[in-house]
Protein backbone atom coordinates (compact mmCIF):
# COMPACT_ATOMS: atom_id res chain seq x y z
CA UNK A 1 120.38 126.32 75.15
CA UNK A 2 117.32 126.91 76.92
CA UNK A 3 115.02 130.25 75.81
CA UNK A 4 114.72 130.66 79.59
CA UNK A 5 117.03 133.19 81.09
CA UNK A 6 117.19 131.43 84.69
CA UNK A 7 115.41 128.58 86.57
CA UNK A 8 114.49 128.55 90.16
CA UNK A 9 113.27 125.51 92.61
CA UNK A 10 110.79 126.60 95.19
CA UNK A 11 109.30 124.34 97.79
CA UNK A 12 105.71 124.38 99.75
CA UNK A 13 105.77 122.79 103.33
CA UNK A 14 104.87 119.29 102.48
CA UNK A 15 108.35 118.00 101.69
CA UNK A 16 110.93 120.55 102.02
CA UNK A 17 113.87 118.42 102.36
CA UNK A 18 113.14 116.51 99.00
CA UNK A 19 113.06 120.02 97.46
CA UNK A 20 116.35 121.10 99.12
CA UNK A 21 118.16 117.71 97.81
CA UNK A 22 116.88 118.25 94.27
CA UNK A 23 118.04 122.05 94.33
CA UNK A 24 121.32 120.95 95.92
CA UNK A 25 121.95 118.21 93.09
CA UNK A 26 121.41 121.21 90.74
CA UNK A 27 123.99 123.29 92.23
CA UNK A 28 121.47 125.65 93.77
CA UNK A 29 119.37 126.48 96.85
CA UNK A 30 115.53 126.39 97.14
CA UNK A 31 114.21 130.15 96.42
CA UNK A 32 112.84 132.69 99.14
CA UNK A 33 109.01 131.68 99.41
CA UNK A 34 106.77 132.41 102.31
CA UNK A 35 104.04 129.93 102.68
CA UNK A 36 102.17 130.42 106.04
CA UNK A 37 99.02 130.67 107.84
CA UNK A 38 96.94 133.89 108.84
CA UNK A 39 95.22 133.69 112.40
CA UNK A 40 92.32 131.89 110.89
CA UNK A 41 94.19 129.24 109.26
CA UNK A 42 94.16 130.87 105.66
CA UNK A 43 97.12 130.02 103.64
CA UNK A 44 99.62 132.72 102.85
CA UNK A 45 101.73 132.90 100.04
CA UNK A 46 104.60 135.40 98.72
CA UNK A 47 107.50 135.17 96.72
CA UNK A 48 110.45 137.20 98.36
CA UNK A 49 112.20 137.41 95.23
CA UNK A 50 111.44 138.66 91.79
CA UNK A 51 110.55 135.52 89.32
CA UNK A 52 110.08 137.45 86.35
CA UNK A 53 110.97 135.97 83.44
CA UNK A 54 112.14 132.69 85.32
CA UNK A 55 111.53 129.29 84.57
CA UNK A 56 109.95 128.19 88.00
CA UNK A 57 109.70 124.81 89.24
CA UNK A 58 107.42 124.48 92.41
CA UNK A 59 107.73 121.23 94.54
CA UNK A 60 104.58 119.95 96.60
CA UNK A 61 103.64 116.67 97.45
CA UNK A 62 99.79 116.62 98.05
CA UNK A 63 100.26 113.95 100.75
CA UNK A 64 98.78 114.22 104.46
CA UNK A 65 97.23 116.99 105.21
CA UNK A 66 96.14 116.26 101.54
CA UNK A 67 93.70 119.57 101.20
CA UNK A 68 96.16 121.71 103.06
CA UNK A 69 99.38 120.54 100.54
CA UNK A 70 96.93 120.91 97.77
CA UNK A 71 95.91 124.35 98.53
CA UNK A 72 99.31 125.57 99.09
CA UNK A 73 100.30 124.17 95.86
CA UNK A 74 97.53 126.18 93.94
CA UNK A 75 98.34 129.24 95.72
CA UNK A 76 101.94 128.92 94.87
CA UNK A 77 101.17 128.44 91.17
CA UNK A 78 98.68 131.35 91.14
CA UNK A 79 101.25 133.73 92.99
CA UNK A 80 104.03 132.60 90.48
CA UNK A 81 101.68 133.22 87.61
CA UNK A 82 100.83 136.61 88.85
CA UNK A 83 104.36 137.45 89.46
CA UNK A 84 105.18 137.06 85.82
CA UNK A 85 107.19 133.80 85.72
CA UNK A 86 108.02 132.66 82.36
CA UNK A 87 107.01 129.01 82.96
CA UNK A 88 105.57 127.17 85.89
CA UNK A 89 106.31 123.72 86.43
CA UNK A 90 104.31 121.66 89.34
CA UNK A 91 106.53 118.98 90.69
CA UNK A 92 104.41 116.82 92.30
CA UNK A 93 106.15 113.77 93.60
CA UNK A 94 103.20 112.24 95.28
CA UNK A 95 99.90 113.07 93.59
CA UNK A 96 96.89 112.95 95.88
CA UNK A 97 93.51 111.75 94.82
CA UNK A 98 95.04 109.50 92.02
CA UNK A 99 92.84 106.83 93.43
CA UNK A 100 89.95 108.23 92.60
CA UNK A 101 90.35 108.21 88.97
CA UNK A 102 87.19 107.01 87.86
CA UNK A 103 83.62 106.72 88.26
CA UNK A 104 83.20 103.26 90.03
CA UNK A 105 80.08 103.68 91.66
CA UNK A 106 76.91 105.91 91.30
CA UNK A 107 76.91 109.34 92.37
CA UNK A 108 80.89 109.76 93.11
CA UNK A 109 83.02 112.32 91.46
CA UNK A 110 86.24 111.66 89.63
CA UNK A 111 88.38 113.52 92.17
CA UNK A 112 91.90 113.04 90.16
CA UNK A 113 90.21 114.81 87.18
CA UNK A 114 88.91 117.91 89.13
CA UNK A 115 92.59 117.90 90.69
CA UNK A 116 94.12 118.17 87.45
CA UNK A 117 91.52 121.05 86.31
CA UNK A 118 92.43 122.77 89.37
CA UNK A 119 96.28 122.60 88.78
CA UNK A 120 95.71 123.88 85.32
CA UNK A 121 93.25 126.60 85.93
CA UNK A 122 95.79 128.03 88.63
CA UNK A 123 98.14 128.70 86.00
CA UNK A 124 100.66 125.76 85.69
CA UNK A 125 101.88 125.37 82.31
CA UNK A 126 103.32 121.67 82.94
CA UNK A 127 103.67 118.82 85.40
CA UNK A 128 105.96 116.47 86.96
CA UNK A 129 105.36 113.68 88.60
CA UNK A 130 106.06 110.07 89.93
CA UNK A 131 104.53 106.79 89.73
CA UNK A 132 100.62 107.73 89.27
CA UNK A 133 98.27 105.39 90.52
CA UNK A 134 96.77 105.31 87.06
CA UNK A 135 98.55 105.91 84.24
CA UNK A 136 95.56 107.45 82.33
CA UNK A 137 95.35 110.63 84.70
CA UNK A 138 98.21 111.84 82.48
CA UNK A 139 95.28 112.28 80.12
CA UNK A 140 93.12 114.36 82.56
CA UNK A 141 95.52 117.20 81.71
CA UNK A 142 95.91 119.31 78.69
CA UNK A 143 99.19 120.54 79.61
CA UNK A 144 102.36 118.45 79.35
CA UNK A 145 102.75 115.78 82.35
CA UNK A 146 106.29 114.32 82.70
CA UNK A 147 105.54 110.98 84.42
CA UNK A 148 108.62 109.50 86.05
CA UNK A 149 109.03 105.91 87.54
CA UNK A 150 110.86 104.81 90.80
CA UNK A 151 111.77 101.57 88.84
CA UNK A 152 115.57 102.89 88.41
CA UNK A 153 115.70 103.62 91.96
CA UNK A 154 114.42 99.90 92.79
CA UNK A 155 116.29 98.06 90.52
CA UNK A 156 119.51 99.63 91.91
CA UNK A 157 118.74 98.77 95.53
CA UNK A 158 117.16 95.13 94.70
CA UNK A 159 120.08 94.22 92.55
CA UNK A 160 122.48 94.79 95.36
CA UNK A 161 120.56 93.37 98.17
CA UNK A 162 119.05 89.93 96.42
CA UNK A 163 120.23 87.10 94.30
CA UNK A 164 118.61 86.53 90.79
CA UNK A 165 118.13 82.84 91.21
CA UNK A 166 117.01 82.83 94.57
CA UNK A 167 114.18 85.71 94.41
CA UNK A 168 110.83 86.55 93.04
CA UNK A 169 109.32 89.83 92.23
CA UNK A 170 105.67 89.41 93.33
CA UNK A 171 102.98 91.69 91.80
CA UNK A 172 99.87 92.41 94.34
CA UNK A 173 97.31 91.97 92.30
CA UNK A 174 96.93 91.61 88.69
CA UNK A 175 96.68 95.02 87.59
CA UNK A 176 99.92 95.61 88.38
CA UNK A 177 101.35 92.65 86.76
CA UNK A 178 102.70 94.33 83.73
CA UNK A 179 104.79 96.70 85.75
CA UNK A 180 105.82 93.98 87.96
CA UNK A 181 107.01 91.78 85.02
CA UNK A 182 108.97 94.93 83.42
CA UNK A 183 110.94 95.14 86.69
CA UNK A 184 111.24 91.48 86.97
CA UNK A 185 112.92 91.19 83.46
CA UNK A 186 115.28 94.18 84.42
CA UNK A 187 116.43 92.49 87.23
CA UNK A 188 116.54 88.78 85.89
CA UNK A 189 114.08 87.56 88.50
CA UNK A 190 111.19 85.28 88.05
CA UNK A 191 107.69 86.70 88.48
CA UNK A 192 104.40 85.88 91.03
CA UNK A 193 101.10 87.33 90.88
CA UNK A 194 98.71 87.56 93.91
CA UNK A 195 95.09 86.79 93.08
CA UNK A 196 93.10 88.91 95.06
CA UNK A 197 89.52 90.76 95.40
CA UNK A 198 88.90 93.88 97.42
CA UNK A 199 85.53 93.95 99.42
CA UNK A 200 85.75 97.46 100.49
CA UNK A 201 88.54 100.04 100.22
CA UNK A 202 91.52 99.32 102.09
CA UNK A 203 90.86 95.89 102.50
CA UNK A 204 92.03 92.97 100.55
CA UNK A 205 91.43 89.24 100.41
CA UNK A 206 94.19 86.86 98.81
CA UNK A 207 92.50 84.24 97.06
CA UNK A 208 95.56 82.62 95.28
CA UNK A 209 99.33 83.00 94.59
CA UNK A 210 100.31 82.63 91.13
CA UNK A 211 103.52 81.10 90.55
CA UNK A 212 106.36 79.30 92.26
CA UNK A 213 107.63 80.98 95.53
CA UNK A 214 108.58 78.16 97.74
CA UNK A 215 112.08 78.39 99.00
CA UNK A 216 112.25 82.19 97.59
CA UNK A 217 113.07 85.64 98.49
CA UNK A 218 109.87 87.23 97.71
CA UNK A 219 109.70 91.07 97.06
CA UNK A 220 106.48 92.72 96.94
CA UNK A 221 106.38 95.75 94.60
CA UNK A 222 103.55 98.37 94.70
CA UNK A 223 103.19 101.74 93.95
CA UNK A 224 102.14 102.85 97.36
CA UNK A 225 101.57 101.70 100.97
CA UNK A 226 98.74 103.20 102.80
CA UNK A 227 97.09 100.99 105.34
CA UNK A 228 99.53 98.21 104.51
CA UNK A 229 96.49 95.73 104.51
CA UNK A 230 97.35 94.51 101.01
CA UNK A 231 101.32 93.96 101.82
CA UNK A 232 100.29 92.23 105.15
CA UNK A 233 97.57 89.80 103.66
CA UNK A 234 99.99 88.97 100.54
CA UNK A 235 103.07 88.41 102.76
CA UNK A 236 101.02 86.26 104.97
CA UNK A 237 99.86 84.07 101.93
CA UNK A 238 103.23 84.01 100.41
CA UNK A 239 104.67 82.41 103.87
CA UNK A 240 102.10 80.01 103.82
CA UNK A 241 102.96 79.21 100.11
CA UNK A 242 106.51 78.17 101.48
CA UNK A 243 108.22 81.85 100.68
CA UNK A 244 111.50 82.03 102.59
CA UNK A 245 111.14 85.70 103.12
CA UNK A 246 108.99 88.59 102.05
CA UNK A 247 110.32 92.18 101.46
CA UNK A 248 108.09 95.08 100.00
CA UNK A 249 109.21 97.88 97.81
CA UNK A 250 106.87 100.88 96.99
CA UNK A 251 107.20 104.20 95.85
CA UNK A 252 104.97 106.24 97.97
CA UNK A 253 104.94 105.63 101.96
CA UNK A 254 101.37 107.08 102.97
CA UNK A 255 101.42 104.82 106.24
CA UNK A 256 98.17 105.78 107.48
CA UNK A 257 96.65 105.14 110.90
CA UNK A 258 98.43 102.06 112.78
CA UNK A 259 100.16 100.79 109.34
CA UNK A 260 103.73 100.82 110.63
CA UNK A 261 102.84 98.79 113.83
CA UNK A 262 100.79 96.39 111.89
CA UNK A 263 103.49 95.77 109.35
CA UNK A 264 105.99 95.38 112.17
CA UNK A 265 103.56 92.68 113.26
CA UNK A 266 103.59 90.89 109.77
CA UNK A 267 106.01 88.64 108.14
CA UNK A 268 107.51 91.20 106.04
CA UNK A 269 111.11 91.49 106.82
CA UNK A 270 111.78 95.05 105.30
CA UNK A 271 110.16 97.74 103.35
CA UNK A 272 111.95 100.00 100.80
CA UNK A 273 110.20 103.40 100.21
CA UNK A 274 110.94 106.50 98.11
CA UNK A 275 111.07 109.99 99.84
CA UNK A 276 107.90 111.21 97.73
CA UNK A 277 106.21 111.67 100.78
CA UNK A 278 108.37 112.35 104.33
CA UNK A 279 108.19 109.63 107.06
CA UNK A 280 106.70 110.81 110.07
CA UNK A 281 106.28 109.32 113.83
CA UNK A 282 106.67 105.54 113.97
CA UNK A 283 107.85 105.38 110.28
CA UNK A 284 111.01 107.42 110.81
CA UNK A 285 112.13 105.51 114.14
CA UNK A 286 111.24 102.24 112.41
CA UNK A 287 114.48 99.93 111.70
CA UNK A 288 112.36 97.92 109.33
CA UNK A 289 111.63 100.98 106.66
CA UNK A 290 114.41 102.16 104.43
CA UNK A 291 114.32 105.48 102.48
CA UNK A 292 115.25 105.66 98.90
CA UNK A 293 116.27 108.95 97.45
CA UNK A 294 114.34 110.09 94.41
CA UNK A 295 116.51 113.74 94.23
CA UNK A 296 118.93 112.48 91.23
CA UNK A 297 115.98 111.44 89.23
CA UNK A 298 113.86 114.65 89.56
CA UNK A 299 116.94 116.76 89.16
CA UNK A 300 117.71 115.16 85.90
CA UNK A 301 114.36 115.62 84.53
CA UNK A 302 114.21 119.25 85.79
CA UNK A 303 117.39 119.81 83.94
CA UNK A 304 116.42 118.47 80.85
CA UNK A 305 113.09 120.31 80.93
CA UNK A 306 114.85 123.66 81.61
CA UNK A 307 117.14 122.59 78.81
CA UNK A 308 114.17 121.53 76.42
CA UNK A 309 115.73 118.10 76.05
CA UNK A 310 113.90 114.82 76.15
CA UNK A 311 113.66 113.06 79.05
CA UNK A 312 113.10 109.74 77.56
CA UNK A 313 115.86 108.14 78.87
CA UNK A 314 114.63 108.77 82.57
CA UNK A 315 111.43 106.77 81.83
CA UNK A 316 111.81 102.86 82.69
């Protein structure tokens, strides 16, 4: 039995569709929370129902517009704390600023650490997130972090679409090789690795393809798709090395600038992404992009957290 009398799920403006899906799977509806703007664009937050003694789950992806969504999350947390919520869990399906996780050049911030500090200082008691760009970000928090992976969702999808003997999981770089290898093992696919260098942000150059891809259906797996540059250059290299087809599978569909147009003009056949970030504009209309739901995985994690049970079985 939980030590909390009740739980409630609330949503900011970043991804209300996912929050509603999560709540529905738990037999609930999202709580009555007002998040809007004053005339000068200051954010205004108000709980329109009591949360005193309640186990509160606040759902907010810090995706585009990143700073507005982050500020909404911080104010939601502060409002819940001041309203005497028993416990506050920040559900952050997509954790913005995660790529700025280290001081890789002189005179730059470690932005992911600063964001972690802000979330803690606002009053969050724990964080539930999915597929951080860098696993070490969990250590930036001094509160519990439950870090889910999209692997169960991708495995379920890819196992139905591809034949193991004819398919190859491709890691877009050496850094993601361990995670890609684990996915390939679960699917009983072979593994290939793209050897690339990144001369500047959002630009990648392929040096070599390591592994046999000739005549195979290749699935490029990554944590996020931003401008699409990495996947486009990798798909071109795979086709040049004899791949029969190239598909992409990623957790977070950022899709900055003209990413969708560029990917539609590339050798990529299909792109599978999760609903951690809502699709907008061209991405919503593209037949090339297939959205995979994360609501069931998050709802299972929330139930385990509320009932104070282990969520080990959700980690893959």
